[in-house]
C-alpha atoms as a PDB file:
ATOM      1  CA  MET A   1     -66.172 161.966-208.565  1.00  0.00           C
ATOM      2  CA  ARG A   2     -64.219 160.383-205.751  1.00  0.00           C
ATOM      3  CA  HIS A   3     -61.027 161.989-204.697  1.00  0.00           C
ATOM      4  CA  ASP A   4     -57.882 160.403-202.916  1.00  0.00           C
ATOM      5  CA  HIS A   5     -58.533 162.606-199.959  1.00  0.00           C
ATOM      6  CA  ASP A   6     -62.346 161.685-199.419  1.00  0.00           C
ATOM      7  CA  PRO A   7     -61.700 158.725-197.098  1.00  0.00           C
ATOM      8  CA  PRO A   8     -59.467 160.859-194.684  1.00  0.00           C
ATOM      9  CA  HIS A   9     -61.761 163.698-194.803  1.00  0.00           C
ATOM     10  CA  ARG A  10     -64.591 161.250-193.961  1.00  0.00           C
ATOM     11  CA  GLU A  11     -62.474 159.892-190.912  1.00  0.00           C
ATOM     12  CA  ARG A  12     -62.010 163.458-189.602  1.00  0.00           C
ATOM     13  CA  VAL A  13     -65.870 163.857-189.685  1.00  0.00           C
ATOM     14  CA  ASP A  14     -66.505 160.828-188.143  1.00  0.00           C
ATOM     15  CA  ALA A  15     -63.816 161.335-185.486  1.00  0.00           C
ATOM     16  CA  ALA A  16     -65.269 164.910-184.569  1.00  0.00           C
ATOM     17  CA  ARG A  17     -69.022 163.293-184.553  1.00  0.00           C
ATOM     18  CA  ASN A  18     -67.845 160.463-182.198  1.00  0.00           C
ATOM     19  CA  ARG A  19     -66.024 163.094-179.951  1.00  0.00           C
ATOM     20  CA  ALA A  20     -69.286 165.082-179.623  1.00  0.00           C
ATOM     21  CA  ALA A  21     -71.496 162.161-178.822  1.00  0.00           C
ATOM     22  CA  ILE A  22     -68.966 160.857-176.300  1.00  0.00           C
ATOM     23  CA  LEU A  23     -68.751 164.246-174.583  1.00  0.00           C
ATOM     24  CA  LYS A  24     -72.449 164.575-174.518  1.00  0.00           C
ATOM     25  CA  ALA A  25     -73.179 161.002-173.239  1.00  0.00           C
ATOM     26  CA  ALA A  26     -70.512 161.628-170.685  1.00  0.00           C
ATOM     27  CA  ALA A  27     -71.962 164.883-169.359  1.00  0.00           C
ATOM     28  CA  LEU A  28     -75.336 163.604-168.990  1.00  0.00           C
ATOM     29  CA  LEU A  29     -74.286 160.409-167.245  1.00  0.00           C
ATOM     30  CA  PHE A  30     -71.835 162.175-164.997  1.00  0.00           C
ATOM     31  CA  ALA A  31     -74.602 164.707-164.063  1.00  0.00           C
ATOM     32  CA  GLU A  32     -77.154 162.305-163.265  1.00  0.00           C
ATOM     33  CA  HIS A  33     -75.059 159.564-161.526  1.00  0.00           C
ATOM     34  CA  GLY A  34     -71.736 161.381-160.605  1.00  0.00           C
ATOM     35  CA  ALA A  35     -68.576 160.697-162.437  1.00  0.00           C
ATOM     36  CA  ASP A  36     -67.046 158.067-160.040  1.00  0.00           C
ATOM     37  CA  ALA A  37     -70.379 156.089-160.660  1.00  0.00           C
ATOM     38  CA  VAL A  38     -70.010 155.920-164.469  1.00  0.00           C
ATOM     39  CA  SER A  39     -67.675 153.629-166.377  1.00  0.00           C
ATOM     40  CA  MET A  40     -66.117 154.155-169.588  1.00  0.00           C
ATOM     41  CA  ASP A  41     -68.047 151.191-171.112  1.00  0.00           C
ATOM     42  CA  ARG A  42     -71.371 153.040-170.076  1.00  0.00           C
ATOM     43  CA  VAL A  43     -70.122 156.260-171.881  1.00  0.00           C
ATOM     44  CA  ALA A  44     -69.264 154.162-174.968  1.00  0.00           C
ATOM     45  CA  ALA A  45     -72.731 152.545-175.089  1.00  0.00           C
ATOM     46  CA  ALA A  46     -74.554 155.994-174.443  1.00  0.00           C
ATOM     47  CA  ALA A  47     -72.779 157.302-177.181  1.00  0.00           C
ATOM     48  CA  GLY A  48     -73.095 154.706-179.590  1.00  0.00           C
ATOM     49  CA  VAL A  49     -69.258 153.892-180.096  1.00  0.00           C
ATOM     50  CA  GLY A  50     -67.028 151.324-179.215  1.00  0.00           C
ATOM     51  CA  LYS A  51     -65.412 151.468-175.728  1.00  0.00           C
ATOM     52  CA  GLY A  52     -62.067 151.475-177.668  1.00  0.00           C
ATOM     53  CA  THR A  53     -62.934 154.644-179.275  1.00  0.00           C
ATOM     54  CA  VAL A  54     -63.626 156.355-175.991  1.00  0.00           C
ATOM     55  CA  TYR A  55     -60.268 154.890-174.470  1.00  0.00           C
ATOM     56  CA  ARG A  56     -58.167 156.130-177.429  1.00  0.00           C
ATOM     57  CA  ARG A  57     -59.846 159.328-177.547  1.00  0.00           C
ATOM     58  CA  PHE A  58     -59.780 160.242-173.893  1.00  0.00           C
ATOM     59  CA  GLY A  59     -57.593 157.864-172.002  1.00  0.00           C
ATOM     60  CA  ASP A  60     -59.681 157.038-169.004  1.00  0.00           C
ATOM     61  CA  ARG A  61     -62.494 158.860-166.981  1.00  0.00           C
ATOM     62  CA  SER A  62     -60.215 161.652-165.825  1.00  0.00           C
ATOM     63  CA  GLY A  63     -59.499 162.568-169.504  1.00  0.00           C
ATOM     64  CA  LEU A  64     -63.047 162.672-170.200  1.00  0.00           C
ATOM     65  CA  ALA A  65     -63.660 164.924-167.070  1.00  0.00           C
ATOM     66  CA  ALA A  66     -60.947 167.119-168.334  1.00  0.00           C
ATOM     67  CA  ALA A  67     -62.372 167.393-171.899  1.00  0.00           C
ATOM     68  CA  LEU A  68     -65.709 168.361-170.375  1.00  0.00           C
ATOM     69  CA  LEU A  69     -63.987 171.214-168.056  1.00  0.00           C
ATOM     70  CA  ALA A  70     -61.867 172.449-170.963  1.00  0.00           C
ATOM     71  CA  ALA A  71     -64.578 175.113-172.128  1.00  0.00           C
ATOM     72  CA  ARG A  72     -65.278 176.326-168.530  1.00  0.00           C
ATOM     73  CA  GLU A  73     -61.772 176.638-167.878  1.00  0.00           C
ATOM     74  CA  ARG A  74     -61.090 178.497-171.429  1.00  0.00           C
ATOM     75  CA  GLU A  75     -63.696 181.024-170.287  1.00  0.00           C
ATOM     76  CA  LEU A  76     -62.059 181.743-167.048  1.00  0.00           C
ATOM     77  CA  ARG A  77     -58.656 181.983-168.776  1.00  0.00           C
ATOM     78  CA  GLU A  78     -60.062 184.579-171.133  1.00  0.00           C
ATOM     79  CA  ALA A  79     -61.462 186.634-168.311  1.00  0.00           C
ATOM     80  CA  VAL A  80     -58.223 186.653-166.511  1.00  0.00           C
ATOM     81  CA  VAL A  81     -56.327 187.698-169.659  1.00  0.00           C
ATOM     82  CA  ASP A  82     -58.640 189.955-171.664  1.00  0.00           C
ATOM     83  CA  GLY A  83     -61.633 190.488-169.260  1.00  0.00           C
ATOM     84  CA  PRO A  84     -62.624 193.605-167.407  1.00  0.00           C
ATOM     85  CA  PRO A  85     -60.979 194.543-163.981  1.00  0.00           C
ATOM     86  CA  PRO A  86     -60.650 193.498-161.283  1.00  0.00           C
ATOM     87  CA  LEU A  87     -60.506 189.826-162.588  1.00  0.00           C
ATOM     88  CA  GLY A  88     -58.802 191.169-165.834  1.00  0.00           C
ATOM     89  CA  PRO A  89     -55.908 193.396-166.511  1.00  0.00           C
ATOM     90  CA  GLY A  90     -56.156 197.089-165.027  1.00  0.00           C
ATOM     91  CA  ALA A  91     -56.747 196.664-161.249  1.00  0.00           C
ATOM     92  CA  PRO A  92     -54.127 196.575-158.657  1.00  0.00           C
ATOM     93  CA  ALA A  93     -52.650 193.147-157.757  1.00  0.00           C
ATOM     94  CA  GLY A  94     -54.429 192.819-154.502  1.00  0.00           C
ATOM     95  CA  ALA A  95     -57.875 193.473-156.056  1.00  0.00           C
ATOM     96  CA  ARG A  96     -57.042 191.030-158.869  1.00  0.00           C
ATOM     97  CA  LEU A  97     -56.067 188.382-156.495  1.00  0.00           C
ATOM     98  CA  ALA A  98     -59.053 188.588-154.635  1.00  0.00           C
ATOM     99  CA  ALA A  99     -61.187 188.435-157.821  1.00  0.00           C
ATOM    100  CA  PHE A 100     -59.382 185.458-159.151  1.00  0.00           C
ATOM    101  CA  VAL A 101     -59.789 183.499-155.839  1.00  0.00           C
ATOM    102  CA  GLY A 102     -63.683 184.323-155.841  1.00  0.00           C
ATOM    103  CA  ALA A 103     -63.897 183.227-159.687  1.00  0.00           C
ATOM    104  CA  TYR A 104     -61.910 180.223-159.057  1.00  0.00           C
ATOM    105  CA  LEU A 105     -63.832 179.220-156.201  1.00  0.00           C
ATOM    106  CA  ASP A 106     -67.008 179.787-158.057  1.00  0.00           C
ATOM    107  CA  HIS A 107     -65.613 177.659-160.633  1.00  0.00           C
ATOM    108  CA  VAL A 108     -64.643 174.580-158.433  1.00  0.00           C
ATOM    109  CA  ALA A 109     -67.983 174.873-156.502  1.00  0.00           C
ATOM    110  CA  GLY A 110     -69.940 174.664-159.670  1.00  0.00           C
ATOM    111  CA  HIS A 111     -67.984 171.559-161.059  1.00  0.00           C
ATOM    112  CA  LEU A 112     -66.918 169.810-158.084  1.00  0.00           C
ATOM    113  CA  ASP A 113     -67.684 166.259-159.295  1.00  0.00           C
ATOM    114  CA  LEU A 114     -65.943 166.754-162.664  1.00  0.00           C
ATOM    115  CA  LEU A 115     -62.821 168.506-160.808  1.00  0.00           C
ATOM    116  CA  ARG A 116     -62.315 165.654-158.164  1.00  0.00           C
ATOM    117  CA  THR A 117     -62.276 163.225-160.849  1.00  0.00           C
ATOM    118  CA  SER A 118     -59.842 165.154-163.436  1.00  0.00           C
ATOM    119  CA  GLU A 119     -57.574 166.244-160.556  1.00  0.00           C
ATOM    120  CA  THR A 120     -56.871 162.783-158.699  1.00  0.00           C
ATOM    121  CA  SER A 121     -57.196 160.198-161.460  1.00  0.00           C
ATOM    122  CA  PRO A 122     -54.228 159.262-162.102  1.00  0.00           C
ATOM    123  CA  PRO A 123     -52.554 160.827-159.002  1.00  0.00           C
ATOM    124  CA  GLY A 124     -50.907 164.345-159.471  1.00  0.00           C
ATOM    125  CA  ALA A 125     -53.053 164.851-162.629  1.00  0.00           C
ATOM    126  CA  ARG A 126     -54.052 168.400-161.592  1.00  0.00           C
ATOM    127  CA  TYR A 127     -50.488 169.562-161.492  1.00  0.00           C
ATOM    128  CA  ARG A 128     -49.694 168.402-164.979  1.00  0.00           C
ATOM    129  CA  SER A 129     -52.726 170.188-166.699  1.00  0.00           C
ATOM    130  CA  ALA A 130     -52.455 173.463-168.678  1.00  0.00           C
ATOM    131  CA  ALA A 131     -55.179 174.990-166.733  1.00  0.00           C
ATOM    132  CA  TYR A 132     -53.194 174.476-163.352  1.00  0.00           C
ATOM    133  CA  ARG A 133     -49.953 175.827-165.004  1.00  0.00           C
ATOM    134  CA  PHE A 134     -51.756 178.985-166.178  1.00  0.00           C
ATOM    135  CA  CYS A 135     -53.479 179.346-162.792  1.00  0.00           C
ATOM    136  CA  HIS A 136     -50.240 179.028-161.076  1.00  0.00           C
ATOM    137  CA  ASP A 137     -48.207 181.424-163.349  1.00  0.00           C
ATOM    138  CA  HIS A 138     -51.049 184.058-162.869  1.00  0.00           C
ATOM    139  CA  LEU A 139     -51.175 183.776-159.221  1.00  0.00           C
ATOM    140  CA  THR A 140     -47.126 183.811-158.987  1.00  0.00           C
ATOM    141  CA  SER A 141     -47.300 187.161-160.873  1.00  0.00           C
ATOM    142  CA  LEU A 142     -49.927 188.654-158.349  1.00  0.00           C
ATOM    143  CA  LEU A 143     -47.934 187.409-155.333  1.00  0.00           C
ATOM    144  CA  ASP A 144     -44.794 189.231-156.022  1.00  0.00           C
ATOM    145  CA  THR A 145     -44.793 190.717-152.455  1.00  0.00           C
ATOM    146  CA  ALA A 146     -44.613 187.191-150.872  1.00  0.00           C
ATOM    147  CA  PRO A 147     -41.146 185.782-149.903  1.00  0.00           C
ATOM    148  CA  ASP A 148     -41.461 182.833-152.282  1.00  0.00           C
ATOM    149  CA  PRO A 149     -44.247 183.616-154.704  1.00  0.00           C
ATOM    150  CA  HIS A 150     -43.682 180.311-156.616  1.00  0.00           C
ATOM    151  CA  THR A 151     -44.313 178.236-153.498  1.00  0.00           C
ATOM    152  CA  THR A 152     -46.964 180.448-151.999  1.00  0.00           C
ATOM    153  CA  ALA A 153     -49.055 180.146-155.508  1.00  0.00           C
ATOM    154  CA  HIS A 154     -48.868 176.275-154.968  1.00  0.00           C
ATOM    155  CA  ALA A 155     -50.214 176.662-151.266  1.00  0.00           C
ATOM    156  CA  LEU A 156     -53.013 178.760-152.499  1.00  0.00           C
ATOM    157  CA  LEU A 157     -54.168 176.589-155.152  1.00  0.00           C
ATOM    158  CA  ALA A 158     -53.774 173.717-152.789  1.00  0.00           C
ATOM    159  CA  ALA A 159     -56.582 175.228-150.704  1.00  0.00           C
ATOM    160  CA  LEU A 160     -58.706 175.940-153.801  1.00  0.00           C
ATOM    161  CA  SER A 161     -58.326 172.208-155.098  1.00  0.00           C
ATOM    162  CA  ALA A 162     -61.882 170.373-155.538  1.00  0.00           C
ATOM    163  CA  GLU A 163     -60.989 167.810-152.886  1.00  0.00           C
ATOM    164  CA  HIS A 164     -60.463 170.427-150.164  1.00  0.00           C
ATOM    165  CA  VAL A 165     -63.366 172.653-151.129  1.00  0.00           C
ATOM    166  CA  GLY A 166     -65.602 169.801-151.380  1.00  0.00           C
ATOM    167  CA  ALA A 167     -64.803 168.615-147.904  1.00  0.00           C
ATOM    168  CA  LEU A 168     -64.998 172.058-146.207  1.00  0.00           C
ATOM    169  CA  LEU A 169     -68.234 173.539-148.106  1.00  0.00           C
ATOM    170  CA  PRO A 170     -70.695 171.152-145.962  1.00  0.00           C
ATOM    171  CA  GLU A 171     -68.962 171.979-142.740  1.00  0.00           C
ATOM    172  CA  LEU A 172     -68.288 175.589-143.185  1.00  0.00           C
ATOM    173  CA  GLY A 173     -70.911 176.808-145.676  1.00  0.00           C
ATOM    174  CA  ALA A 174     -70.106 178.745-149.020  1.00  0.00           C
ATOM    175  CA  HIS A 175     -69.964 182.155-147.267  1.00  0.00           C
ATOM    176  CA  ARG A 176     -67.517 181.304-144.457  1.00  0.00           C
ATOM    177  CA  LEU A 177     -65.084 179.256-146.774  1.00  0.00           C
ATOM    178  CA  ARG A 178     -65.050 182.273-149.246  1.00  0.00           C
ATOM    179  CA  MET A 179     -64.196 184.700-146.700  1.00  0.00           C
ATOM    180  CA  GLY A 180     -61.583 182.273-145.107  1.00  0.00           C
ATOM    181  CA  LEU A 181     -59.919 181.818-148.552  1.00  0.00           C
ATOM    182  CA  LEU A 182     -59.906 185.611-149.187  1.00  0.00           C
ATOM    183  CA  ASP A 183     -58.257 186.037-145.888  1.00  0.00           C
ATOM    184  CA  LEU A 184     -55.792 183.310-146.651  1.00  0.00           C
ATOM    185  CA  ALA A 185     -54.932 185.068-150.093  1.00  0.00           C
ATOM    186  CA  ALA A 186     -54.479 188.502-148.257  1.00  0.00           C
ATOM    187  CA  GLY A 187     -52.132 186.775-145.853  1.00  0.00           C
ATOM    188  CA  CYS A 188     -50.131 185.277-148.592  1.00  0.00           C
ATOM    189  CA  ALA A 189     -49.986 188.438-150.563  1.00  0.00           C
ATOM    190  CA  ALA A 190     -48.626 190.635-147.745  1.00  0.00           C
ATOM    191  CA  PRO A 191     -47.517 188.244-144.920  1.00  0.00           C
ATOM    192  CA  ASP A 192     -46.114 191.452-142.983  1.00  0.00           C
ATOM    193  CA  ALA A 193     -48.903 193.803-143.609  1.00  0.00           C
ATOM    194  CA  PRO A 194     -50.776 195.168-140.473  1.00  0.00           C
ATOM    195  CA  SER A 195     -53.901 193.177-139.460  1.00  0.00           C
ATOM    196  CA  GLY A 196     -56.391 195.794-140.841  1.00  0.00           C
ATOM    197  CA  ALA A 197     -54.865 195.549-144.288  1.00  0.00           C
ATOM    198  CA  VAL A 198     -56.941 193.187-146.240  1.00  0.00           C
ATOM    199  CA  LEU A 199     -57.913 192.428-149.858  1.00  0.00           C
ATOM    200  CA  PRO A 200     -61.222 193.359-151.075  1.00  0.00           C
ATOM    201  CA  ARG A 201     -63.767 190.795-150.865  1.00  0.00           C
ATOM    202  CA  ARG A 202     -66.302 189.641-153.730  1.00  0.00           C
END
């Protein structure tokens, strides 16, 4: 028996299936060729959908990258909000700051190509994202000993951007970059602290 609500239901099922197919195709193509080398037309062809479907659903390549990153960013947010200390609640602010910097650096290093695309196309996209706002709010709360926690949180996140991390990793190596960012976070948290007072390192 046919019901009036059947066509919209089928459309919702089709939309969900198309979204999954597009994200799967984009993930495979981005991993194989790099996000910058993959066109929206190529993603559409690999997913078996029209290119208009891809543009309507995701807007552009940065929207695709942001959608692929959403699950990873959700995991980081859940660890910060509900996970065990020191990344989650229950540890001193300095320990939580160090844990967050380390975890965020791991996230960036593990998804450099996707993050570069999502952060820079269009310009300023990073600062308008929900993930950035969450990270900024979290850092602001941890940096309450800084003269201006709001601005300091932006500065620390700038040092953790995909563009910055990607440029410095080949030159400094992963360990040196991590230690440098932890030292930077320590200085941001307590700019007037004695030189021997540092944040715990992960």
